[in-house]
N, C-alpha and C. Protein backbone atom coordinates (compact mmCIF):
# COMPACT_ATOMS: atom_id res chain seq x y z
N UNK A 1 87.89 95.05 107.86
CA UNK A 1 89.16 95.44 107.25
C UNK A 1 90.09 95.95 108.34
N UNK A 2 91.32 95.48 108.31
CA UNK A 2 92.33 95.95 109.26
C UNK A 2 93.57 96.38 108.50
N UNK A 3 94.18 97.42 109.01
CA UNK A 3 95.38 97.96 108.39
C UNK A 3 96.54 97.88 109.37
N UNK A 4 97.70 97.58 108.87
CA UNK A 4 98.89 97.54 109.71
C UNK A 4 100.03 98.23 108.99
N UNK A 5 100.44 99.36 109.52
CA UNK A 5 101.56 100.10 108.94
C UNK A 5 102.86 99.64 109.59
N UNK A 6 103.91 99.62 108.81
CA UNK A 6 105.22 99.23 109.31
C UNK A 6 106.30 99.93 108.48
N UNK A 7 107.53 99.82 108.95
CA UNK A 7 108.65 100.35 108.20
C UNK A 7 109.24 101.63 108.75
N UNK A 8 108.62 102.17 109.79
CA UNK A 8 109.17 103.38 110.38
C UNK A 8 110.48 103.11 111.10
N UNK A 9 111.15 104.16 111.46
CA UNK A 9 112.41 104.01 112.18
C UNK A 9 113.15 105.32 112.24
N UNK A 10 114.40 105.22 112.67
CA UNK A 10 115.27 106.39 112.81
C UNK A 10 116.26 106.41 111.65
N UNK A 11 116.26 107.50 110.92
CA UNK A 11 117.20 107.66 109.81
C UNK A 11 117.82 109.04 109.89
N UNK A 12 118.87 109.23 109.12
CA UNK A 12 119.51 110.54 109.05
C UNK A 12 118.94 111.33 107.87
N UNK A 13 119.06 112.61 107.97
CA UNK A 13 118.59 113.47 106.89
C UNK A 13 119.25 113.06 105.57
N UNK A 14 118.45 113.03 104.52
CA UNK A 14 118.94 112.65 103.21
C UNK A 14 118.73 111.18 102.88
N UNK A 15 118.45 110.38 103.89
CA UNK A 15 118.25 108.96 103.66
C UNK A 15 116.81 108.67 103.23
N UNK A 16 116.55 107.39 102.98
CA UNK A 16 115.23 106.96 102.50
C UNK A 16 114.62 105.92 103.42
N UNK A 17 113.33 105.81 103.37
CA UNK A 17 112.59 104.78 104.08
C UNK A 17 111.41 104.36 103.21
N UNK A 18 111.01 103.12 103.34
CA UNK A 18 109.79 102.68 102.68
C UNK A 18 108.83 102.17 103.73
N UNK A 19 107.69 102.79 103.81
CA UNK A 19 106.64 102.34 104.70
C UNK A 19 105.71 101.39 103.95
N UNK A 20 105.17 100.44 104.71
CA UNK A 20 104.21 99.50 104.14
C UNK A 20 102.91 99.56 104.94
N UNK A 21 101.81 99.34 104.26
CA UNK A 21 100.51 99.25 104.91
C UNK A 21 99.83 97.99 104.39
N UNK A 22 99.77 96.99 105.24
CA UNK A 22 99.15 95.73 104.85
C UNK A 22 97.66 95.80 105.17
N UNK A 23 96.86 95.43 104.19
CA UNK A 23 95.41 95.46 104.32
C UNK A 23 94.89 94.03 104.43
N UNK A 24 94.20 93.74 105.51
CA UNK A 24 93.58 92.43 105.64
C UNK A 24 92.06 92.62 105.65
N UNK A 25 91.36 91.61 105.11
CA UNK A 25 89.93 91.73 104.96
C UNK A 25 89.60 92.16 103.54
N UNK A 26 88.32 92.34 103.30
CA UNK A 26 87.85 92.65 101.96
C UNK A 26 87.55 94.14 101.81
N UNK A 27 88.29 94.76 100.93
CA UNK A 27 88.10 96.17 100.64
C UNK A 27 87.51 96.28 99.24
N UNK A 28 86.35 96.90 99.14
CA UNK A 28 85.70 97.00 97.83
C UNK A 28 86.46 97.93 96.92
N UNK A 29 86.17 97.78 95.68
CA UNK A 29 86.72 98.68 94.67
C UNK A 29 85.56 99.44 94.04
N UNK A 30 85.67 100.74 93.84
CA UNK A 30 86.88 101.51 94.00
C UNK A 30 87.17 101.87 95.46
N UNK A 31 88.42 102.16 95.72
CA UNK A 31 88.80 102.59 97.05
C UNK A 31 89.94 103.58 96.94
N UNK A 32 90.20 104.22 98.04
CA UNK A 32 91.29 105.19 98.11
C UNK A 32 92.18 104.82 99.29
N UNK A 33 93.46 104.68 99.03
CA UNK A 33 94.44 104.44 100.09
C UNK A 33 95.21 105.73 100.31
N UNK A 34 95.33 106.11 101.56
CA UNK A 34 95.93 107.40 101.88
C UNK A 34 96.95 107.24 103.00
N UNK A 35 98.04 107.93 102.86
CA UNK A 35 99.00 108.07 103.95
C UNK A 35 98.83 109.48 104.53
N UNK A 36 98.76 109.52 105.86
CA UNK A 36 98.74 110.78 106.59
C UNK A 36 99.93 110.78 107.54
N UNK A 37 100.19 111.95 108.09
CA UNK A 37 101.20 112.02 109.14
C UNK A 37 100.78 113.07 110.15
N UNK A 38 101.31 112.89 111.34
CA UNK A 38 101.04 113.85 112.40
C UNK A 38 102.30 114.00 113.24
N UNK A 39 102.81 115.20 113.25
CA UNK A 39 103.98 115.52 114.07
C UNK A 39 103.50 116.00 115.44
N UNK A 40 104.34 115.92 116.45
CA UNK A 40 103.94 116.35 117.79
C UNK A 40 103.46 117.80 117.80
N UNK A 41 102.29 118.01 118.37
CA UNK A 41 101.74 119.35 118.47
C UNK A 41 101.19 119.91 117.18
N UNK A 42 101.16 119.08 116.14
CA UNK A 42 100.70 119.57 114.84
C UNK A 42 99.43 118.83 114.43
N UNK A 43 98.72 119.40 113.47
CA UNK A 43 97.56 118.72 112.93
C UNK A 43 97.97 117.63 111.95
N UNK A 44 97.12 116.66 111.84
CA UNK A 44 97.36 115.61 110.86
C UNK A 44 97.30 116.20 109.45
N UNK A 45 98.18 115.72 108.59
CA UNK A 45 98.19 116.22 107.22
C UNK A 45 98.31 115.08 106.23
N UNK A 46 97.78 115.32 105.06
CA UNK A 46 97.81 114.31 104.01
C UNK A 46 99.20 114.24 103.40
N UNK A 47 99.69 113.04 103.25
CA UNK A 47 101.00 112.83 102.62
C UNK A 47 100.83 112.43 101.16
N UNK A 48 100.04 111.38 100.95
CA UNK A 48 99.85 110.87 99.59
C UNK A 48 98.57 110.07 99.54
N UNK A 49 97.97 110.07 98.36
CA UNK A 49 96.69 109.39 98.20
C UNK A 49 96.69 108.66 96.86
N UNK A 50 96.14 107.47 96.88
CA UNK A 50 96.05 106.69 95.64
C UNK A 50 94.67 106.08 95.52
N UNK A 51 94.02 106.40 94.43
CA UNK A 51 92.71 105.84 94.17
C UNK A 51 92.85 104.72 93.16
N UNK A 52 92.07 103.66 93.32
CA UNK A 52 92.11 102.56 92.36
C UNK A 52 91.93 103.14 90.96
N UNK A 53 92.76 102.69 90.07
CA UNK A 53 92.75 103.24 88.72
C UNK A 53 93.96 104.09 88.45
N UNK A 54 94.75 104.35 89.50
CA UNK A 54 96.02 105.04 89.30
C UNK A 54 96.00 106.53 89.52
N UNK A 55 94.96 107.07 90.08
CA UNK A 55 94.88 108.50 90.35
C UNK A 55 95.58 108.79 91.67
N UNK A 56 96.73 109.45 91.62
CA UNK A 56 97.48 109.72 92.83
C UNK A 56 97.61 111.23 93.06
N UNK A 57 97.78 111.59 94.32
CA UNK A 57 98.02 112.99 94.65
C UNK A 57 98.90 113.03 95.89
N UNK A 58 99.58 114.17 96.07
CA UNK A 58 100.54 114.30 97.15
C UNK A 58 100.40 115.66 97.83
N UNK A 59 100.78 115.68 99.11
CA UNK A 59 100.92 116.95 99.78
C UNK A 59 102.09 117.71 99.15
N UNK A 60 102.06 119.02 99.25
CA UNK A 60 103.10 119.83 98.61
C UNK A 60 104.50 119.41 99.05
N UNK A 61 104.65 119.10 100.32
CA UNK A 61 105.97 118.76 100.85
C UNK A 61 106.46 117.42 100.33
N UNK A 62 105.52 116.59 99.86
CA UNK A 62 105.86 115.24 99.42
C UNK A 62 106.16 115.17 97.91
N UNK A 63 105.71 116.15 97.19
CA UNK A 63 105.91 116.14 95.74
C UNK A 63 107.38 116.04 95.39
N UNK A 64 107.69 115.07 94.55
CA UNK A 64 109.06 114.91 94.09
C UNK A 64 109.96 114.12 95.03
N UNK A 65 109.50 113.85 96.24
CA UNK A 65 110.32 113.09 97.19
C UNK A 65 109.67 111.77 97.59
N UNK A 66 108.35 111.75 97.67
CA UNK A 66 107.64 110.56 98.14
C UNK A 66 106.86 109.95 96.98
N UNK A 67 106.72 108.63 97.04
CA UNK A 67 105.96 107.92 96.01
C UNK A 67 105.05 106.90 96.69
N UNK A 68 103.78 106.97 96.36
CA UNK A 68 102.82 105.98 96.86
C UNK A 68 102.59 104.94 95.77
N UNK A 69 102.50 103.69 96.19
CA UNK A 69 102.26 102.62 95.22
C UNK A 69 101.50 101.50 95.89
N UNK A 70 100.95 100.63 95.06
CA UNK A 70 100.19 99.49 95.56
C UNK A 70 100.73 98.20 94.96
N UNK A 71 100.62 97.14 95.75
CA UNK A 71 100.81 95.80 95.23
C UNK A 71 99.51 95.07 95.53
N UNK A 72 98.65 95.00 94.55
CA UNK A 72 97.32 94.41 94.77
C UNK A 72 97.41 92.95 95.15
N UNK A 73 98.38 92.24 94.59
CA UNK A 73 98.53 90.81 94.90
C UNK A 73 98.85 90.61 96.37
N UNK A 74 99.54 91.56 96.97
CA UNK A 74 99.91 91.45 98.38
C UNK A 74 98.99 92.27 99.29
N UNK A 75 98.01 92.93 98.70
CA UNK A 75 97.11 93.81 99.48
C UNK A 75 97.91 94.77 100.35
N UNK A 76 98.89 95.38 99.75
CA UNK A 76 99.79 96.26 100.48
C UNK A 76 99.98 97.56 99.71
N UNK A 77 100.02 98.64 100.46
CA UNK A 77 100.31 99.95 99.91
C UNK A 77 101.63 100.43 100.49
N UNK A 78 102.42 101.04 99.67
CA UNK A 78 103.74 101.49 100.09
C UNK A 78 103.85 103.00 100.01
N UNK A 79 104.75 103.52 100.81
CA UNK A 79 105.13 104.92 100.71
C UNK A 79 106.66 104.97 100.71
N UNK A 80 107.21 105.22 99.54
CA UNK A 80 108.65 105.38 99.43
C UNK A 80 108.99 106.83 99.72
N UNK A 81 109.82 107.03 100.71
CA UNK A 81 110.18 108.38 101.12
C UNK A 81 111.67 108.58 100.90
N UNK A 82 112.00 109.53 100.07
CA UNK A 82 113.39 109.82 99.73
C UNK A 82 113.78 111.21 100.22
N UNK A 83 115.08 111.42 100.31
CA UNK A 83 115.60 112.73 100.72
C UNK A 83 114.90 113.24 101.97
N UNK A 84 114.85 112.40 102.97
CA UNK A 84 114.11 112.75 104.17
C UNK A 84 114.76 113.93 104.90
N UNK A 85 113.89 114.71 105.52
CA UNK A 85 114.31 115.90 106.25
C UNK A 85 113.86 115.78 107.71
N UNK A 86 114.52 116.48 108.61
CA UNK A 86 114.08 116.43 110.01
C UNK A 86 112.60 116.79 110.17
N UNK A 87 112.11 117.68 109.34
CA UNK A 87 110.70 118.07 109.45
C UNK A 87 109.73 116.99 108.97
N UNK A 88 110.26 115.91 108.43
CA UNK A 88 109.41 114.76 108.09
C UNK A 88 109.14 113.87 109.29
N UNK A 89 109.78 114.18 110.41
CA UNK A 89 109.57 113.40 111.62
C UNK A 89 108.11 113.48 112.04
N UNK A 90 107.48 112.32 112.18
CA UNK A 90 106.05 112.26 112.51
C UNK A 90 105.64 110.80 112.66
N UNK A 91 104.44 110.62 113.16
CA UNK A 91 103.80 109.31 113.09
C UNK A 91 103.03 109.25 111.78
N UNK A 92 103.28 108.22 111.01
CA UNK A 92 102.64 108.05 109.72
C UNK A 92 101.54 107.00 109.83
N UNK A 93 100.37 107.36 109.30
CA UNK A 93 99.21 106.48 109.35
C UNK A 93 98.73 106.17 107.94
N UNK A 94 98.22 104.97 107.78
CA UNK A 94 97.55 104.68 106.52
C UNK A 94 96.05 104.55 106.77
N UNK A 95 95.29 104.88 105.76
CA UNK A 95 93.84 104.80 105.83
C UNK A 95 93.32 104.22 104.53
N UNK A 96 92.23 103.49 104.64
CA UNK A 96 91.59 102.89 103.46
C UNK A 96 90.15 103.35 103.42
N UNK A 97 89.78 103.97 102.33
CA UNK A 97 88.41 104.46 102.16
C UNK A 97 87.70 103.57 101.14
N UNK A 98 86.76 102.80 101.66
CA UNK A 98 85.95 101.95 100.80
C UNK A 98 84.84 102.81 100.22
N UNK A 99 84.94 103.15 98.95
CA UNK A 99 84.01 104.09 98.34
C UNK A 99 82.64 103.48 98.09
N UNK A 100 82.55 102.17 98.05
CA UNK A 100 81.25 101.53 97.84
C UNK A 100 80.48 101.48 99.16
N UNK A 101 81.15 101.07 100.22
CA UNK A 101 80.51 100.98 101.53
C UNK A 101 80.53 102.31 102.28
N UNK A 102 81.30 103.26 101.75
CA UNK A 102 81.46 104.58 102.38
C UNK A 102 81.95 104.43 103.82
N UNK A 103 82.97 103.62 103.98
CA UNK A 103 83.59 103.41 105.28
C UNK A 103 85.08 103.71 105.14
N UNK A 104 85.62 104.40 106.14
CA UNK A 104 87.05 104.68 106.15
C UNK A 104 87.68 103.94 107.32
N UNK A 105 88.71 103.21 107.01
CA UNK A 105 89.42 102.41 108.01
C UNK A 105 90.78 103.05 108.29
N UNK A 106 91.20 102.94 109.54
CA UNK A 106 92.49 103.47 109.96
C UNK A 106 93.31 102.38 110.62
N UNK A 107 94.60 102.48 110.44
CA UNK A 107 95.49 101.58 111.14
C UNK A 107 96.33 102.34 112.15
N UNK A 108 97.00 101.63 113.04
CA UNK A 108 97.93 102.30 113.96
C UNK A 108 99.10 102.87 113.18
N UNK A 109 99.68 103.90 113.68
CA UNK A 109 100.74 104.56 112.96
C UNK A 109 102.09 103.91 113.16
N UNK A 110 103.02 104.39 112.36
CA UNK A 110 104.42 103.98 112.50
C UNK A 110 105.26 105.24 112.58
N UNK A 111 106.18 105.25 113.53
CA UNK A 111 106.95 106.46 113.80
C UNK A 111 108.16 106.56 112.89
N UNK A 112 108.29 107.72 112.28
CA UNK A 112 109.47 108.03 111.48
C UNK A 112 110.19 109.19 112.15
N UNK A 113 111.47 108.98 112.43
CA UNK A 113 112.28 110.02 113.05
C UNK A 113 113.48 110.28 112.15
N UNK A 114 113.64 111.54 111.77
CA UNK A 114 114.74 111.91 110.89
C UNK A 114 115.67 112.85 111.67
N UNK A 115 116.88 112.42 111.84
CA UNK A 115 117.85 113.22 112.58
C UNK A 115 118.66 114.09 111.63
N UNK A 116 119.10 115.22 112.13
CA UNK A 116 119.87 116.15 111.27
C UNK A 116 121.36 115.86 111.33
């Protein structure tokens, strides 16, 4: 299984971005798709998580602003980020946790920079 995140870039505060995470290979079900982020000098933190079946959860900072979704036909997970703030600046990573094989896969991150 390989993951490829894309969609990062430079935006101004208040704008939106949609990140994509394309999954190639066979990922068993059930599974959990998770977006994390890591800002310079900071620990990695959970942004949003989606388990097959529709169980989603968000980091406190993401509640009400970010939305995680899946397109199973495209094997892609999205992170819609609205009302972005400078403190959202970070490298965003997607991860896929195959709950049957008990393997967690990571992809390279995509940089999001929010200017004030």
